[in-house]
Structure formats: C-alpha cells, structure tokens
Amino acid sequence: MNDDLTIHPDKTLDCVGLFCPIPVFNTTEAINEIEIGGVLEVLTDDPASTQDIPRWAKRTGHKLLKFEDQGENFRFLIERTK
C-alpha cells in the first residue's frame, strides 16, 4: 500500500452512520463515477467494512491503496482499475 501523502482522491464517499451492506453498495456506485486510474476515498464507521471493503476490492479487481483506522472511523483509498 502507498503513502497517502502522494495520493489525492478524485472523489470522497462518506458512509459514516451506514451499516452493512450499504457501504459496499455505495462504494460500487461511487467507483463507477470516477475515471479508470482515479482514486476513491471511502469513510465509514461500520466495523464490518474493515473486512467487507477489502474483499469487495479484491473480488471486483480494484486496487486497495490504503486502509487507515482513524479511531472512530475507517478510511480506505481505492484505485479504479477497470
């Protein structure tokens, strides 16, 4: 995973307060709204997302660039690959 100082997301998706499966559904929609090679930032407080979003990225072929546990929230940086 990369150092996020050099990663500038093209879009931020705020899923704080939403729980499984909504963050994954919203991430699917949001990733399709950015260009291939673009980066989606996903913010969530759903503990299930720490497993769901990396699995989703692997299953769909997108690249998880970074995962960060920010205490109350989780932050994901995902590159659209297709």
C-alpha atoms as a PDB file:
ATOM      1  CA  MET A   1       0.000   0.000   0.000  1.00  0.00           C
ATOM      2  CA  ASN A   2       1.175   3.518  -0.760  1.00  0.00           C
ATOM      3  CA  ASP A   3       1.912   6.538   1.388  1.00  0.00           C
ATOM      4  CA  ASP A   4      -1.272   8.625   1.199  1.00  0.00           C
ATOM      5  CA  LEU A   5       0.719  11.890   1.149  1.00  0.00           C
ATOM      6  CA  THR A   6       1.075  11.373  -2.591  1.00  0.00           C
ATOM      7  CA  ILE A   7      -2.470  10.098  -3.156  1.00  0.00           C
ATOM      8  CA  HIS A   8      -5.132  12.675  -3.908  1.00  0.00           C
ATOM      9  CA  PRO A   9      -8.626  11.172  -4.083  1.00  0.00           C
ATOM     10  CA  ASP A  10     -10.784  12.110  -7.039  1.00  0.00           C
ATOM     11  CA  LYS A  11     -13.940  11.533  -5.014  1.00  0.00           C
ATOM     12  CA  THR A  12     -14.813  11.068  -1.343  1.00  0.00           C
ATOM     13  CA  LEU A  13     -17.675   8.822  -0.242  1.00  0.00           C
ATOM     14  CA  ASP A  14     -18.947   9.422   3.293  1.00  0.00           C
ATOM     15  CA  CYS A  15     -20.611   6.275   4.635  1.00  0.00           C
ATOM     16  CA  VAL A  16     -20.363   7.220   8.318  1.00  0.00           C
ATOM     17  CA  GLY A  17     -23.521   6.070  10.089  1.00  0.00           C
ATOM     18  CA  LEU A  18     -24.346   3.476   7.414  1.00  0.00           C
ATOM     19  CA  PHE A  19     -24.003  -0.232   8.053  1.00  0.00           C
ATOM     20  CA  CYS A  20     -23.551  -3.421   6.038  1.00  0.00           C
ATOM     21  CA  PRO A  21     -24.305  -3.810   3.211  1.00  0.00           C
ATOM     22  CA  ILE A  22     -24.856  -0.119   2.355  1.00  0.00           C
ATOM     23  CA  PRO A  23     -21.165   0.969   2.385  1.00  0.00           C
ATOM     24  CA  VAL A  24     -20.307  -1.729  -0.168  1.00  0.00           C
ATOM     25  CA  PHE A  25     -23.277  -0.836  -2.388  1.00  0.00           C
ATOM     26  CA  ASN A  26     -22.410   2.868  -2.231  1.00  0.00           C
ATOM     27  CA  THR A  27     -18.738   2.125  -2.939  1.00  0.00           C
ATOM     28  CA  THR A  28     -19.725   0.162  -6.039  1.00  0.00           C
ATOM     29  CA  GLU A  29     -21.772   3.081  -7.348  1.00  0.00           C
ATOM     30  CA  ALA A  30     -19.136   5.701  -6.487  1.00  0.00           C
ATOM     31  CA  ILE A  31     -16.195   3.839  -8.069  1.00  0.00           C
ATOM     32  CA  ASN A  32     -18.095   3.800 -11.373  1.00  0.00           C
ATOM     33  CA  GLU A  33     -18.408   7.597 -11.268  1.00  0.00           C
ATOM     34  CA  ILE A  34     -14.650   8.189 -11.485  1.00  0.00           C
ATOM     35  CA  GLU A  35     -12.214   7.582 -14.328  1.00  0.00           C
ATOM     36  CA  ILE A  36     -10.110   4.425 -14.565  1.00  0.00           C
ATOM     37  CA  GLY A  37      -6.946   5.148 -12.596  1.00  0.00           C
ATOM     38  CA  GLY A  38      -8.828   7.520 -10.318  1.00  0.00           C
ATOM     39  CA  VAL A  39      -8.903   7.144  -6.551  1.00  0.00           C
ATOM     40  CA  LEU A  40     -11.979   6.850  -4.351  1.00  0.00           C
ATOM     41  CA  GLU A  41     -11.753   7.717  -0.667  1.00  0.00           C
ATOM     42  CA  VAL A  42     -14.310   5.864   1.478  1.00  0.00           C
ATOM     43  CA  LEU A  43     -15.031   6.925   5.063  1.00  0.00           C
ATOM     44  CA  THR A  44     -17.076   4.638   7.291  1.00  0.00           C
ATOM     45  CA  ASP A  45     -17.604   3.722  10.930  1.00  0.00           C
ATOM     46  CA  ASP A  46     -19.027   0.251  10.241  1.00  0.00           C
ATOM     47  CA  PRO A  47     -16.662  -2.328  11.800  1.00  0.00           C
ATOM     48  CA  ALA A  48     -17.725  -4.877   9.156  1.00  0.00           C
ATOM     49  CA  SER A  49     -16.296  -2.612   6.455  1.00  0.00           C
ATOM     50  CA  THR A  50     -12.748  -3.469   7.559  1.00  0.00           C
ATOM     51  CA  GLN A  51     -13.322  -6.886   6.002  1.00  0.00           C
ATOM     52  CA  ASP A  52     -16.103  -6.132   3.506  1.00  0.00           C
ATOM     53  CA  ILE A  53     -14.400  -3.368   1.514  1.00  0.00           C
ATOM     54  CA  PRO A  54     -11.029  -5.137   1.044  1.00  0.00           C
ATOM     55  CA  ARG A  55     -12.926  -8.291  -0.044  1.00  0.00           C
ATOM     56  CA  TRP A  56     -15.048  -6.210  -2.409  1.00  0.00           C
ATOM     57  CA  ALA A  57     -11.937  -4.605  -3.930  1.00  0.00           C
ATOM     58  CA  LYS A  58     -10.282  -7.983  -4.480  1.00  0.00           C
ATOM     59  CA  ARG A  59     -13.446  -9.534  -5.928  1.00  0.00           C
ATOM     60  CA  THR A  60     -14.095  -6.627  -8.309  1.00  0.00           C
ATOM     61  CA  GLY A  61     -10.468  -6.169  -9.355  1.00  0.00           C
ATOM     62  CA  HIS A  62      -9.956  -2.689  -7.922  1.00  0.00           C
ATOM     63  CA  LYS A  63      -6.779  -1.854  -6.009  1.00  0.00           C
ATOM     64  CA  LEU A  64      -6.931  -1.069  -2.286  1.00  0.00           C
ATOM     65  CA  LEU A  65      -4.171   1.505  -1.914  1.00  0.00           C
ATOM     66  CA  LYS A  66      -4.541   2.230   1.789  1.00  0.00           C
ATOM     67  CA  PHE A  67      -6.585   1.330   4.848  1.00  0.00           C
ATOM     68  CA  GLU A  68      -6.442   3.540   7.912  1.00  0.00           C
ATOM     69  CA  ASP A  69      -8.096   3.053  11.304  1.00  0.00           C
ATOM     70  CA  GLN A  70      -8.742   6.614  12.474  1.00  0.00           C
ATOM     71  CA  GLY A  71     -10.199   5.600  15.821  1.00  0.00           C
ATOM     72  CA  GLU A  72     -13.891   6.401  15.381  1.00  0.00           C
ATOM     73  CA  ASN A  73     -13.799   5.990  11.588  1.00  0.00           C
ATOM     74  CA  PHE A  74     -12.093   3.897   8.935  1.00  0.00           C
ATOM     75  CA  ARG A  75     -10.585   5.340   5.750  1.00  0.00           C
ATOM     76  CA  PHE A  76      -9.997   3.446   2.507  1.00  0.00           C
ATOM     77  CA  LEU A  77      -8.269   4.649  -0.640  1.00  0.00           C
ATOM     78  CA  ILE A  78      -9.264   2.550  -3.663  1.00  0.00           C
ATOM     79  CA  GLU A  79      -7.960   2.882  -7.203  1.00  0.00           C
ATOM     80  CA  ARG A  80     -10.393   2.142 -10.026  1.00  0.00           C
ATOM     81  CA  THR A  81      -8.698  -0.341 -12.316  1.00  0.00           C
ATOM     82  CA  LYS A  82     -11.425  -1.132 -14.822  1.00  0.00           C
END
